[in-house]
Amino acid sequence: MDLKELNQKNIHRILVRTTNWIGDAVMTTPALNAVRERFSDAHITVVANPLVAQLFEFHPDCDEVIVYDRQGRHAGFIGFLRFVAMLRGRKFDCAILFQNAIEAAIMAFLAGVPKRLGYITDGRRLLLNYPVPIGDEERALHHTDYYLHMLAQCGIKAEVKQQCLALSPGEIQWAVEAIPRGRFAVINPGAAYGSAKRWIPERFAAVADELASSYGMSIVLSGGPDEMEIGADIAKAMQSPQQNLIGKTSVRQMMAVLAASSLMITNDSGPMHVAAAFGVPLVAIFGPTDHTTTSPWGTRSQIVRHPVECSPCMLRQCPIDHRCMERVTVEDVMSAAAGLLENAT
């Protein structure tokens, strides 16, 4: 099909099926901006799971967010069909599928969306009429460039490549009232993908103590409900006071805390990408994952990693001795943090 048909004249309502992980969704935001710039008068609707949907509240590049809850009201085949019927009633002109799964293509096809754009992943080639080929070269791209490349093949080119998230004035004020005054560092010890991505809690504690004693920074621990035990271990190991918000904030509140911070020490995780989108200086500790494709976007970050023969393995749990993370020292992380703090002053 002639890709030039994808133009403003024919497209007024756009469905964007975003990804299911917070970090990946943040990395789609430059591509979402490219869609907004290309179709400035169109109504853009983002479809996302309940957690990811929160990222796009108040976002300047989408007009509406629809929650697709596979674990709740849209569970099972009947729930899926009910959701598709709702989408069909919206009469979208175009579906842009950042999610790679076949379900996204089935959703757009059954919803009667006439133009369906996406990578030909997961056996969905016949369900797309704007199919974008994918090979080793595309898979090796940083995820932000991966989504931009998909759009560029269909004539939607980005003028800028800047990630974007937004907060309301009320959320900014909430962070001012909820966290310490002055400079503070966020310690983010979790990673939703699996334990293999997590650095050692006692070393996070040592870094936090050093930031407090040498730089006079307050310390905030941040993370989700599944990371409360790790947070308790870090708090117990620390000598300096801290504010432990792990498991106590919503996605929106986590965003507000990160946006207000002066530094973040983190594993490769969704919050890492949130902080990068807000331009927060951050030290990202990488082990089993590929830093070339999922590193924080922008120029205000330092990656700490030790190349070992089995990394990147992309495993959720390490089957051997976790050597990729064990070799990352407190001194490694503090050296990276010191460089960021010196450049920030």
C-alpha atoms as a PDB file:
ATOM      1  CA  MET A   1       0.000   0.000   0.000  1.00  0.00           C
ATOM      2  CA  ASP A   2       1.170   3.527  -0.802  1.00  0.00           C
ATOM      3  CA  LEU A   3       2.366   4.932   2.516  1.00  0.00           C
ATOM      4  CA  LYS A   4       1.568   8.474   1.350  1.00  0.00           C
ATOM      5  CA  GLU A   5      -2.112   7.698   1.984  1.00  0.00           C
ATOM      6  CA  LEU A   6      -1.396   8.151   5.682  1.00  0.00           C
ATOM      7  CA  ASN A   7      -2.081  11.881   5.736  1.00  0.00           C
ATOM      8  CA  GLN A   8      -4.069  14.514   7.578  1.00  0.00           C
ATOM      9  CA  LYS A   9      -6.812  14.561   4.974  1.00  0.00           C
ATOM     10  CA  ASN A  10      -7.964  11.029   5.760  1.00  0.00           C
ATOM     11  CA  ILE A  11      -7.189  10.740   9.471  1.00  0.00           C
ATOM     12  CA  HIS A  12      -9.136  12.501  12.202  1.00  0.00           C
ATOM     13  CA  ARG A  13      -9.296   9.937  15.031  1.00  0.00           C
ATOM     14  CA  ILE A  14      -6.184   7.944  15.960  1.00  0.00           C
ATOM     15  CA  LEU A  15      -5.940   4.981  18.316  1.00  0.00           C
ATOM     16  CA  VAL A  16      -2.480   4.415  19.799  1.00  0.00           C
ATOM     17  CA  ARG A  17      -1.993   1.049  21.491  1.00  0.00           C
ATOM     18  CA  THR A  18       0.963   1.661  23.752  1.00  0.00           C
ATOM     19  CA  THR A  19       3.178  -0.913  25.460  1.00  0.00           C
ATOM     20  CA  ASN A  20       2.447  -2.791  28.696  1.00  0.00           C
ATOM     21  CA  TRP A  21       5.559  -1.756  30.645  1.00  0.00           C
ATOM     22  CA  ILE A  22       6.124   1.689  32.159  1.00  0.00           C
ATOM     23  CA  GLY A  23       9.678   2.035  30.875  1.00  0.00           C
ATOM     24  CA  ASP A  24       8.790   0.965  27.349  1.00  0.00           C
ATOM     25  CA  ALA A  25       5.826   3.339  27.333  1.00  0.00           C
ATOM     26  CA  VAL A  26       8.049   6.264  28.313  1.00  0.00           C
ATOM     27  CA  MET A  27      10.320   5.351  25.413  1.00  0.00           C
ATOM     28  CA  THR A  28       7.363   5.647  23.004  1.00  0.00           C
ATOM     29  CA  THR A  29       6.742   9.292  23.906  1.00  0.00           C
ATOM     30  CA  PRO A  30       8.985  10.812  21.186  1.00  0.00           C
ATOM     31  CA  ALA A  31       7.071   8.694  18.668  1.00  0.00           C
ATOM     32  CA  LEU A  32       3.767   9.834  20.155  1.00  0.00           C
ATOM     33  CA  ASN A  33       4.949  13.415  19.727  1.00  0.00           C
ATOM     34  CA  ALA A  34       5.753  12.678  16.081  1.00  0.00           C
ATOM     35  CA  VAL A  35       2.175  11.462  15.604  1.00  0.00           C
ATOM     36  CA  ARG A  36       0.871  14.654  17.213  1.00  0.00           C
ATOM     37  CA  GLU A  37       3.058  16.839  14.999  1.00  0.00           C
ATOM     38  CA  ARG A  38       2.081  14.962  11.833  1.00  0.00           C
ATOM     39  CA  PHE A  39      -1.649  14.936  12.652  1.00  0.00           C
ATOM     40  CA  SER A  40      -1.990  18.126  14.652  1.00  0.00           C
ATOM     41  CA  ASP A  41      -5.772  18.360  14.261  1.00  0.00           C
ATOM     42  CA  ALA A  42      -6.527  14.701  14.980  1.00  0.00           C
ATOM     43  CA  HIS A  43      -8.024  13.356  18.198  1.00  0.00           C
ATOM     44  CA  ILE A  44      -5.418  10.977  19.657  1.00  0.00           C
ATOM     45  CA  THR A  45      -6.536   8.239  22.046  1.00  0.00           C
ATOM     46  CA  VAL A  46      -4.007   6.119  23.943  1.00  0.00           C
ATOM     47  CA  VAL A  47      -5.073   2.614  24.967  1.00  0.00           C
ATOM     48  CA  ALA A  48      -3.076   1.233  27.906  1.00  0.00           C
ATOM     49  CA  ASN A  49      -3.231  -1.086  30.875  1.00  0.00           C
ATOM     50  CA  PRO A  50      -4.170   0.449  34.258  1.00  0.00           C
ATOM     51  CA  LEU A  51      -0.600   1.195  35.383  1.00  0.00           C
ATOM     52  CA  VAL A  52       0.712   2.542  32.093  1.00  0.00           C
ATOM     53  CA  ALA A  53      -2.437   4.593  31.507  1.00  0.00           C
ATOM     54  CA  GLN A  54      -1.467   6.795  34.441  1.00  0.00           C
ATOM     55  CA  LEU A  55       1.651   7.956  32.582  1.00  0.00           C
ATOM     56  CA  PHE A  56      -0.462   9.669  29.945  1.00  0.00           C
ATOM     57  CA  GLU A  57      -2.731  11.720  32.181  1.00  0.00           C
ATOM     58  CA  PHE A  58      -2.189  15.428  31.373  1.00  0.00           C
ATOM     59  CA  HIS A  59       0.074  14.429  28.488  1.00  0.00           C
ATOM     60  CA  PRO A  60       0.188  17.096  25.770  1.00  0.00           C
ATOM     61  CA  ASP A  61       0.353  14.605  22.909  1.00  0.00           C
ATOM     62  CA  CYS A  62      -2.840  12.665  23.607  1.00  0.00           C
ATOM     63  CA  ASP A  63      -6.414  13.836  24.009  1.00  0.00           C
ATOM     64  CA  GLU A  64      -7.797  10.809  25.805  1.00  0.00           C
ATOM     65  CA  VAL A  65      -6.656   7.693  27.653  1.00  0.00           C
ATOM     66  CA  ILE A  66      -8.714   4.492  27.601  1.00  0.00           C
ATOM     67  CA  VAL A  67      -7.837   1.813  30.147  1.00  0.00           C
ATOM     68  CA  TYR A  68      -7.727  -1.761  28.877  1.00  0.00           C
ATOM     69  CA  ASP A  69      -7.867  -3.954  31.978  1.00  0.00           C
ATOM     70  CA  ARG A  70      -7.174  -7.581  31.058  1.00  0.00           C
ATOM     71  CA  GLN A  71      -7.085  -8.591  34.706  1.00  0.00           C
ATOM     72  CA  GLY A  72     -10.361  -6.894  35.554  1.00  0.00           C
ATOM     73  CA  ARG A  73     -13.420  -5.841  33.592  1.00  0.00           C
ATOM     74  CA  HIS A  74     -11.912  -6.830  30.235  1.00  0.00           C
ATOM     75  CA  ALA A  75     -10.731 -10.283  31.329  1.00  0.00           C
ATOM     76  CA  GLY A  76     -11.275 -13.279  29.100  1.00  0.00           C
ATOM     77  CA  PHE A  77     -12.648 -13.572  25.588  1.00  0.00           C
ATOM     78  CA  ILE A  78     -15.973 -11.915  26.447  1.00  0.00           C
ATOM     79  CA  GLY A  79     -14.228  -8.994  28.132  1.00  0.00           C
ATOM     80  CA  PHE A  80     -11.981  -8.550  25.114  1.00  0.00           C
ATOM     81  CA  LEU A  81     -14.934  -8.533  22.724  1.00  0.00           C
ATOM     82  CA  ARG A  82     -16.755  -6.036  24.916  1.00  0.00           C
ATOM     83  CA  PHE A  83     -13.723  -3.754  24.789  1.00  0.00           C
ATOM     84  CA  VAL A  84     -13.400  -4.146  21.027  1.00  0.00           C
ATOM     85  CA  ALA A  85     -17.084  -3.285  20.576  1.00  0.00           C
ATOM     86  CA  MET A  86     -16.545  -0.085  22.524  1.00  0.00           C
ATOM     87  CA  LEU A  87     -13.596   0.815  20.285  1.00  0.00           C
ATOM     88  CA  ARG A  88     -15.646   0.044  17.168  1.00  0.00           C
ATOM     89  CA  GLY A  89     -18.209   2.576  18.292  1.00  0.00           C
ATOM     90  CA  ARG A  90     -15.504   5.256  18.418  1.00  0.00           C
ATOM     91  CA  LYS A  91     -14.899   4.931  14.655  1.00  0.00           C
ATOM     92  CA  PHE A  92     -11.143   5.395  14.630  1.00  0.00           C
ATOM     93  CA  ASP A  93      -9.513   6.139  11.276  1.00  0.00           C
ATOM     94  CA  CYS A  94      -6.068   4.819  12.130  1.00  0.00           C
ATOM     95  CA  ALA A  95      -4.443   2.520  14.691  1.00  0.00           C
ATOM     96  CA  ILE A  96      -0.762   2.884  15.546  1.00  0.00           C
ATOM     97  CA  LEU A  97       0.473  -0.173  17.386  1.00  0.00           C
ATOM     98  CA  PHE A  98       3.526   0.378  19.535  1.00  0.00           C
ATOM     99  CA  GLN A  99       2.740  -2.886  21.317  1.00  0.00           C
ATOM    100  CA  ASN A 100       4.296  -5.782  19.393  1.00  0.00           C
ATOM    101  CA  ALA A 101       1.769  -8.469  20.374  1.00  0.00           C
ATOM    102  CA  ILE A 102      -0.721 -10.001  17.968  1.00  0.00           C
ATOM    103  CA  GLU A 103      -3.519  -9.068  20.367  1.00  0.00           C
ATOM    104  CA  ALA A 104      -3.029  -5.390  19.529  1.00  0.00           C
ATOM    105  CA  ALA A 105      -3.490  -6.099  15.820  1.00  0.00           C
ATOM    106  CA  ILE A 106      -6.535  -8.297  16.452  1.00  0.00           C
ATOM    107  CA  MET A 107      -8.008  -5.530  18.600  1.00  0.00           C
ATOM    108  CA  ALA A 108      -7.580  -2.906  15.885  1.00  0.00           C
ATOM    109  CA  PHE A 109      -8.814  -5.250  13.133  1.00  0.00           C
ATOM    110  CA  LEU A 110     -11.976  -6.305  14.980  1.00  0.00           C
ATOM    111  CA  ALA A 111     -12.608  -2.690  15.984  1.00  0.00           C
ATOM    112  CA  GLY A 112     -12.916  -1.895  12.285  1.00  0.00           C
ATOM    113  CA  VAL A 113     -10.015   0.554  12.175  1.00  0.00           C
ATOM    114  CA  PRO A 114      -9.296   0.927   8.435  1.00  0.00           C
ATOM    115  CA  LYS A 115      -5.599   1.852   8.695  1.00  0.00           C
ATOM    116  CA  ARG A 116      -3.454  -0.316  10.978  1.00  0.00           C
ATOM    117  CA  LEU A 117       0.246   0.433  11.354  1.00  0.00           C
ATOM    118  CA  GLY A 118       2.812  -1.656  13.214  1.00  0.00           C
ATOM    119  CA  TYR A 119       5.811  -3.948  13.082  1.00  0.00           C
ATOM    120  CA  ILE A 120       5.159  -7.398  11.616  1.00  0.00           C
ATOM    121  CA  THR A 121       5.916  -9.127  14.915  1.00  0.00           C
ATOM    122  CA  ASP A 122       4.116 -12.043  16.567  1.00  0.00           C
ATOM    123  CA  GLY A 123       2.641 -13.407  13.326  1.00  0.00           C
ATOM    124  CA  ARG A 124       0.365 -10.421  12.697  1.00  0.00           C
ATOM    125  CA  ARG A 125       1.433  -9.504   9.162  1.00  0.00           C
ATOM    126  CA  LEU A 126      -1.984 -10.171   7.589  1.00  0.00           C
ATOM    127  CA  LEU A 127      -3.778  -8.019  10.168  1.00  0.00           C
ATOM    128  CA  LEU A 128      -1.802  -4.889   9.253  1.00  0.00           C
ATOM    129  CA  ASN A 129      -2.237  -2.838   6.117  1.00  0.00           C
ATOM    130  CA  TYR A 130       0.725  -0.636   6.987  1.00  0.00           C
ATOM    131  CA  PRO A 131       3.128  -3.479   7.896  1.00  0.00           C
ATOM    132  CA  VAL A 132       6.650  -2.453   8.861  1.00  0.00           C
ATOM    133  CA  PRO A 133       9.343  -5.112   8.332  1.00  0.00           C
ATOM    134  CA  ILE A 134      11.621  -5.931  11.231  1.00  0.00           C
ATOM    135  CA  GLY A 135      15.022  -7.567  11.308  1.00  0.00           C
ATOM    136  CA  ASP A 136      18.175  -7.691  13.401  1.00  0.00           C
ATOM    137  CA  GLU A 137      18.988  -4.060  12.571  1.00  0.00           C
ATOM    138  CA  GLU A 138      15.666  -2.815  13.927  1.00  0.00           C
ATOM    139  CA  ARG A 139      15.855  -5.030  17.023  1.00  0.00           C
ATOM    140  CA  ALA A 140      19.300  -3.595  17.813  1.00  0.00           C
ATOM    141  CA  LEU A 141      17.995  -0.026  17.936  1.00  0.00           C
ATOM    142  CA  HIS A 142      17.494   1.761  21.212  1.00  0.00           C
ATOM    143  CA  HIS A 143      13.806   1.306  22.008  1.00  0.00           C
ATOM    144  CA  THR A 144      13.125   5.023  21.524  1.00  0.00           C
ATOM    145  CA  ASP A 145      14.592   4.854  18.023  1.00  0.00           C
ATOM    146  CA  TYR A 146      12.801   1.548  17.422  1.00  0.00           C
ATOM    147  CA  TYR A 147       9.377   3.195  17.691  1.00  0.00           C
ATOM    148  CA  LEU A 148      10.479   6.259  15.733  1.00  0.00           C
ATOM    149  CA  HIS A 149      11.799   4.028  12.958  1.00  0.00           C
ATOM    150  CA  MET A 150       8.449   2.257  12.693  1.00  0.00           C
ATOM    151  CA  LEU A 151       6.658   5.545  12.123  1.00  0.00           C
ATOM    152  CA  ALA A 152       9.287   6.881   9.721  1.00  0.00           C
ATOM    153  CA  GLN A 153       8.704   3.918   7.405  1.00  0.00           C
ATOM    154  CA  CYS A 154       5.127   5.160   7.011  1.00  0.00           C
ATOM    155  CA  GLY A 155       6.004   8.785   6.428  1.00  0.00           C
ATOM    156  CA  ILE A 156       5.704  10.035  10.032  1.00  0.00           C
ATOM    157  CA  LYS A 157       9.074  11.557  10.873  1.00  0.00           C
ATOM    158  CA  ALA A 158      10.084  13.135  14.154  1.00  0.00           C
ATOM    159  CA  GLU A 159      11.334  16.710  14.256  1.00  0.00           C
ATOM    160  CA  VAL A 160      12.652  16.164  17.785  1.00  0.00           C
ATOM    161  CA  LYS A 161      13.504  13.053  19.781  1.00  0.00           C
ATOM    162  CA  GLN A 162      12.734  14.200  23.287  1.00  0.00           C
ATOM    163  CA  GLN A 163      10.874  12.071  25.806  1.00  0.00           C
ATOM    164  CA  CYS A 164       7.980  13.778  27.518  1.00  0.00           C
ATOM    165  CA  LEU A 165       5.835  13.268  30.605  1.00  0.00           C
ATOM    166  CA  ALA A 166       3.649  15.858  32.312  1.00  0.00           C
ATOM    167  CA  LEU A 167       2.398  16.680  35.796  1.00  0.00           C
ATOM    168  CA  SER A 168      -0.494  18.807  36.982  1.00  0.00           C
ATOM    169  CA  PRO A 169       0.120  21.801  39.284  1.00  0.00           C
ATOM    170  CA  GLY A 170      -1.615  19.869  42.075  1.00  0.00           C
ATOM    171  CA  GLU A 171       0.755  16.924  41.697  1.00  0.00           C
ATOM    172  CA  ILE A 172       3.783  19.204  41.777  1.00  0.00           C
ATOM    173  CA  GLN A 173       2.458  20.807  44.959  1.00  0.00           C
ATOM    174  CA  TRP A 174       1.817  17.373  46.496  1.00  0.00           C
ATOM    175  CA  ALA A 175       5.486  16.484  46.000  1.00  0.00           C
ATOM    176  CA  VAL A 176       6.586  19.747  47.613  1.00  0.00           C
ATOM    177  CA  GLU A 177       4.547  18.906  50.698  1.00  0.00           C
ATOM    178  CA  ALA A 178       5.306  15.167  50.819  1.00  0.00           C
ATOM    179  CA  ILE A 179       9.096  15.111  50.578  1.00  0.00           C
ATOM    180  CA  PRO A 180      12.004  16.849  52.366  1.00  0.00           C
ATOM    181  CA  ARG A 181      12.946  20.391  51.516  1.00  0.00           C
ATOM    182  CA  GLY A 182      16.222  20.987  49.729  1.00  0.00           C
ATOM    183  CA  ARG A 183      18.142  18.566  47.542  1.00  0.00           C
ATOM    184  CA  PHE A 184      17.207  14.939  47.818  1.00  0.00           C
ATOM    185  CA  ALA A 185      18.273  11.733  46.106  1.00  0.00           C
ATOM    186  CA  VAL A 186      15.900   8.941  45.171  1.00  0.00           C
ATOM    187  CA  ILE A 187      17.065   5.374  45.691  1.00  0.00           C
ATOM    188  CA  ASN A 188      15.114   3.005  43.441  1.00  0.00           C
ATOM    189  CA  PRO A 189      16.177  -0.566  44.344  1.00  0.00           C
ATOM    190  CA  GLY A 190      13.488  -2.529  42.503  1.00  0.00           C
ATOM    191  CA  ALA A 191      12.889  -3.753  38.965  1.00  0.00           C
ATOM    192  CA  ALA A 192       9.565  -5.256  37.969  1.00  0.00           C
ATOM    193  CA  TYR A 193      11.068  -7.565  35.339  1.00  0.00           C
ATOM    194  CA  GLY A 194      12.829  -9.784  37.878  1.00  0.00           C
ATOM    195  CA  SER A 195      15.418 -10.132  40.617  1.00  0.00           C
ATOM    196  CA  ALA A 196      18.329 -10.462  38.182  1.00  0.00           C
ATOM    197  CA  LYS A 197      18.092  -6.721  37.444  1.00  0.00           C
ATOM    198  CA  ARG A 198      18.417  -5.735  41.122  1.00  0.00           C
ATOM    199  CA  TRP A 199      21.637  -4.546  42.682  1.00  0.00           C
ATOM    200  CA  ILE A 200      22.505  -5.546  46.264  1.00  0.00           C
ATOM    201  CA  PRO A 201      20.359  -3.739  48.910  1.00  0.00           C
ATOM    202  CA  GLU A 202      23.279  -3.222  51.332  1.00  0.00           C
ATOM    203  CA  ARG A 203      25.221  -1.416  48.617  1.00  0.00           C
ATOM    204  CA  PHE A 204      22.258   0.831  47.851  1.00  0.00           C
ATOM    205  CA  ALA A 205      22.261   1.648  51.581  1.00  0.00           C
ATOM    206  CA  ALA A 206      25.975   2.451  51.527  1.00  0.00           C
ATOM    207  CA  VAL A 207      25.553   4.768  48.536  1.00  0.00           C
ATOM    208  CA  ALA A 208      22.617   6.495  50.222  1.00  0.00           C
ATOM    209  CA  ASP A 209      24.658   7.065  53.393  1.00  0.00           C
ATOM    210  CA  GLU A 210      27.530   8.507  51.356  1.00  0.00           C
ATOM    211  CA  LEU A 211      25.213  10.886  49.504  1.00  0.00           C
ATOM    212  CA  ALA A 212      23.810  12.036  52.839  1.00  0.00           C
ATOM    213  CA  SER A 213      27.148  12.490  54.601  1.00  0.00           C
ATOM    214  CA  SER A 214      29.280  13.866  51.752  1.00  0.00           C
ATOM    215  CA  TYR A 215      26.714  15.894  49.827  1.00  0.00           C
ATOM    216  CA  GLY A 216      24.155  16.756  52.492  1.00  0.00           C
ATOM    217  CA  MET A 217      21.351  15.184  50.498  1.00  0.00           C
ATOM    218  CA  SER A 218      18.124  13.866  51.998  1.00  0.00           C
ATOM    219  CA  ILE A 219      17.290  10.308  50.958  1.00  0.00           C
ATOM    220  CA  VAL A 220      13.980   9.050  49.608  1.00  0.00           C
ATOM    221  CA  LEU A 221      13.383   5.367  48.887  1.00  0.00           C
ATOM    222  CA  SER A 222      10.987   4.775  45.998  1.00  0.00           C
ATOM    223  CA  GLY A 223       9.393   1.689  44.479  1.00  0.00           C
ATOM    224  CA  GLY A 224       6.298  -0.427  44.120  1.00  0.00           C
ATOM    225  CA  PRO A 225       4.467  -2.692  46.591  1.00  0.00           C
ATOM    226  CA  ASP A 226       6.503  -5.747  45.542  1.00  0.00           C
ATOM    227  CA  GLU A 227       9.687  -3.987  46.640  1.00  0.00           C
ATOM    228  CA  MET A 228       8.686  -3.185  50.235  1.00  0.00           C
ATOM    229  CA  GLU A 229      10.900  -5.922  51.683  1.00  0.00           C
ATOM    230  CA  ILE A 230      13.913  -4.620  49.783  1.00  0.00           C
ATOM    231  CA  GLY A 231      13.126  -1.116  51.005  1.00  0.00           C
ATOM    232  CA  ALA A 232      12.958  -2.293  54.599  1.00  0.00           C
ATOM    233  CA  ASP A 233      16.345  -4.017  54.208  1.00  0.00           C
ATOM    234  CA  ILE A 234      17.912  -0.816  52.852  1.00  0.00           C
ATOM    235  CA  ALA A 235      16.390   1.356  55.568  1.00  0.00           C
ATOM    236  CA  LYS A 236      17.649  -1.050  58.237  1.00  0.00           C
ATOM    237  CA  ALA A 237      21.167  -1.046  56.794  1.00  0.00           C
ATOM    238  CA  MET A 238      21.402   2.756  56.528  1.00  0.00           C
ATOM    239  CA  GLN A 239      23.036   4.940  59.173  1.00  0.00           C
ATOM    240  CA  SER A 240      21.396   8.168  57.982  1.00  0.00           C
ATOM    241  CA  PRO A 241      17.662   8.969  58.092  1.00  0.00           C
ATOM    242  CA  GLN A 242      15.506   8.330  55.062  1.00  0.00           C
ATOM    243  CA  GLN A 243      11.942   8.688  53.886  1.00  0.00           C
ATOM    244  CA  ASN A 244      10.661   5.318  52.720  1.00  0.00           C
ATOM    245  CA  LEU A 245       7.913   5.746  50.104  1.00  0.00           C
ATOM    246  CA  ILE A 246       8.187   2.236  48.691  1.00  0.00           C
ATOM    247  CA  GLY A 247       4.711   0.834  48.150  1.00  0.00           C
ATOM    248  CA  LYS A 248       3.112   4.095  49.324  1.00  0.00           C
ATOM    249  CA  THR A 249       2.732   6.062  46.086  1.00  0.00           C
ATOM    250  CA  SER A 250       0.670   5.801  42.938  1.00  0.00           C
ATOM    251  CA  VAL A 251       2.342   5.993  39.532  1.00  0.00           C
ATOM    252  CA  ARG A 252       1.413   9.688  39.348  1.00  0.00           C
ATOM    253  CA  GLN A 253       2.872  10.379  42.794  1.00  0.00           C
ATOM    254  CA  MET A 254       6.028   8.468  41.899  1.00  0.00           C
ATOM    255  CA  MET A 255       6.361  10.685  38.838  1.00  0.00           C
ATOM    256  CA  ALA A 256       6.001  13.817  40.955  1.00  0.00           C
ATOM    257  CA  VAL A 257       8.635  12.640  43.455  1.00  0.00           C
ATOM    258  CA  LEU A 258      11.127  11.809  40.711  1.00  0.00           C
ATOM    259  CA  ALA A 259      10.554  15.096  38.888  1.00  0.00           C
ATOM    260  CA  ALA A 260      11.377  17.015  42.085  1.00  0.00           C
ATOM    261  CA  SER A 261      14.540  15.052  42.880  1.00  0.00           C
ATOM    262  CA  SER A 262      18.140  16.141  42.361  1.00  0.00           C
ATOM    263  CA  LEU A 263      19.572  12.683  41.722  1.00  0.00           C
ATOM    264  CA  MET A 264      18.406   9.114  41.245  1.00  0.00           C
ATOM    265  CA  ILE A 265      20.296   5.880  41.879  1.00  0.00           C
ATOM    266  CA  THR A 266      18.450   3.052  40.175  1.00  0.00           C
ATOM    267  CA  ASN A 267      18.408  -0.340  38.567  1.00  0.00           C
ATOM    268  CA  ASP A 268      17.299  -0.675  34.943  1.00  0.00           C
ATOM    269  CA  SER A 269      13.582  -0.118  35.543  1.00  0.00           C
ATOM    270  CA  GLY A 270      10.459   1.788  34.574  1.00  0.00           C
ATOM    271  CA  PRO A 271      11.059   4.602  37.089  1.00  0.00           C
ATOM    272  CA  MET A 272      14.542   5.029  35.592  1.00  0.00           C
ATOM    273  CA  HIS A 273      12.925   6.034  32.302  1.00  0.00           C
ATOM    274  CA  VAL A 274      10.418   8.271  34.085  1.00  0.00           C
ATOM    275  CA  ALA A 275      13.272  10.161  35.747  1.00  0.00           C
ATOM    276  CA  ALA A 276      15.119  10.458  32.441  1.00  0.00           C
ATOM    277  CA  ALA A 277      12.022  11.932  30.801  1.00  0.00           C
ATOM    278  CA  PHE A 278      11.971  14.644  33.474  1.00  0.00           C
ATOM    279  CA  GLY A 279      15.682  15.352  32.959  1.00  0.00           C
ATOM    280  CA  VAL A 280      16.717  14.112  36.406  1.00  0.00           C
ATOM    281  CA  PRO A 281      20.436  13.263  36.748  1.00  0.00           C
ATOM    282  CA  LEU A 282      20.618   9.532  37.360  1.00  0.00           C
ATOM    283  CA  VAL A 283      22.979   6.635  37.816  1.00  0.00           C
ATOM    284  CA  ALA A 284      21.619   3.469  36.196  1.00  0.00           C
ATOM    285  CA  ILE A 285      23.026   0.091  37.237  1.00  0.00           C
ATOM    286  CA  PHE A 286      22.844  -2.500  34.461  1.00  0.00           C
ATOM    287  CA  GLY A 287      23.534  -6.213  34.690  1.00  0.00           C
ATOM    288  CA  PRO A 288      21.559  -8.820  32.723  1.00  0.00           C
ATOM    289  CA  THR A 289      19.845  -6.377  30.353  1.00  0.00           C
ATOM    290  CA  ASP A 290      21.151  -4.681  27.225  1.00  0.00           C
ATOM    291  CA  HIS A 291      22.134  -1.084  27.943  1.00  0.00           C
ATOM    292  CA  THR A 292      22.401  -0.333  24.227  1.00  0.00           C
ATOM    293  CA  THR A 293      18.638  -0.749  23.730  1.00  0.00           C
ATOM    294  CA  THR A 294      17.129   0.286  27.074  1.00  0.00           C
ATOM    295  CA  SER A 295      19.524   2.847  28.559  1.00  0.00           C
ATOM    296  CA  PRO A 296      18.013   6.074  29.908  1.00  0.00           C
ATOM    297  CA  TRP A 297      17.408   8.562  27.091  1.00  0.00           C
ATOM    298  CA  GLY A 298      19.121  11.929  27.198  1.00  0.00           C
ATOM    299  CA  THR A 299      22.440  13.284  28.397  1.00  0.00           C
ATOM    300  CA  ARG A 300      22.008  13.486  32.181  1.00  0.00           C
ATOM    301  CA  SER A 301      22.699   9.864  33.050  1.00  0.00           C
ATOM    302  CA  GLN A 302      25.613   7.586  33.792  1.00  0.00           C
ATOM    303  CA  ILE A 303      25.484   3.829  33.245  1.00  0.00           C
ATOM    304  CA  VAL A 304      27.398   1.592  35.628  1.00  0.00           C
ATOM    305  CA  ARG A 305      28.005  -1.959  34.521  1.00  0.00           C
ATOM    306  CA  HIS A 306      30.704  -4.615  34.420  1.00  0.00           C
ATOM    307  CA  PRO A 307      30.861  -6.600  31.178  1.00  0.00           C
ATOM    308  CA  VAL A 308      30.855 -10.302  31.928  1.00  0.00           C
ATOM    309  CA  GLU A 309      30.764 -13.214  29.536  1.00  0.00           C
ATOM    310  CA  CYS A 310      27.114 -14.083  30.215  1.00  0.00           C
ATOM    311  CA  SER A 311      25.661 -10.566  29.981  1.00  0.00           C
ATOM    312  CA  PRO A 312      23.274  -9.484  28.601  1.00  0.00           C
ATOM    313  CA  CYS A 313      21.394 -12.716  29.249  1.00  0.00           C
ATOM    314  CA  MET A 314      17.937 -11.062  29.595  1.00  0.00           C
ATOM    315  CA  LEU A 315      16.958 -13.587  32.274  1.00  0.00           C
ATOM    316  CA  ARG A 316      14.562 -12.666  35.073  1.00  0.00           C
ATOM    317  CA  GLN A 317      16.528 -14.658  37.645  1.00  0.00           C
ATOM    318  CA  CYS A 318      20.233 -15.410  37.625  1.00  0.00           C
ATOM    319  CA  PRO A 319      20.915 -19.172  37.454  1.00  0.00           C
ATOM    320  CA  ILE A 320      24.500 -18.826  38.665  1.00  0.00           C
ATOM    321  CA  ASP A 321      26.242 -16.235  40.903  1.00  0.00           C
ATOM    322  CA  HIS A 322      24.779 -12.876  39.753  1.00  0.00           C
ATOM    323  CA  ARG A 323      28.291 -11.808  38.798  1.00  0.00           C
ATOM    324  CA  CYS A 324      27.148  -8.919  36.592  1.00  0.00           C
ATOM    325  CA  MET A 325      25.668  -7.178  39.628  1.00  0.00           C
ATOM    326  CA  GLU A 326      28.069  -8.478  42.283  1.00  0.00           C
ATOM    327  CA  ARG A 327      30.968  -6.805  40.479  1.00  0.00           C
ATOM    328  CA  VAL A 328      29.349  -3.365  40.632  1.00  0.00           C
ATOM    329  CA  THR A 329      30.815  -1.691  43.703  1.00  0.00           C
ATOM    330  CA  VAL A 330      29.703   1.183  45.899  1.00  0.00           C
ATOM    331  CA  GLU A 331      32.735   3.095  44.635  1.00  0.00           C
ATOM    332  CA  ASP A 332      31.643   2.575  41.009  1.00  0.00           C
ATOM    333  CA  VAL A 333      28.225   4.066  41.705  1.00  0.00           C
ATOM    334  CA  MET A 334      29.524   6.929  43.857  1.00  0.00           C
ATOM    335  CA  SER A 335      32.050   7.899  41.192  1.00  0.00           C
ATOM    336  CA  ALA A 336      29.268   8.160  38.617  1.00  0.00           C
ATOM    337  CA  ALA A 337      27.051  10.083  41.050  1.00  0.00           C
ATOM    338  CA  ALA A 338      29.855  12.501  41.904  1.00  0.00           C
ATOM    339  CA  GLY A 339      30.350  13.349  38.243  1.00  0.00           C
ATOM    340  CA  LEU A 340      26.663  14.106  37.783  1.00  0.00           C
ATOM    341  CA  LEU A 341      26.466  16.234  40.926  1.00  0.00           C
ATOM    342  CA  GLU A 342      29.558  18.235  39.961  1.00  0.00           C
ATOM    343  CA  ASN A 343      28.122  18.963  36.515  1.00  0.00           C
ATOM    344  CA  ALA A 344      24.801  19.990  38.050  1.00  0.00           C
ATOM    345  CA  THR A 345      26.370  22.733  40.169  1.00  0.00           C
END
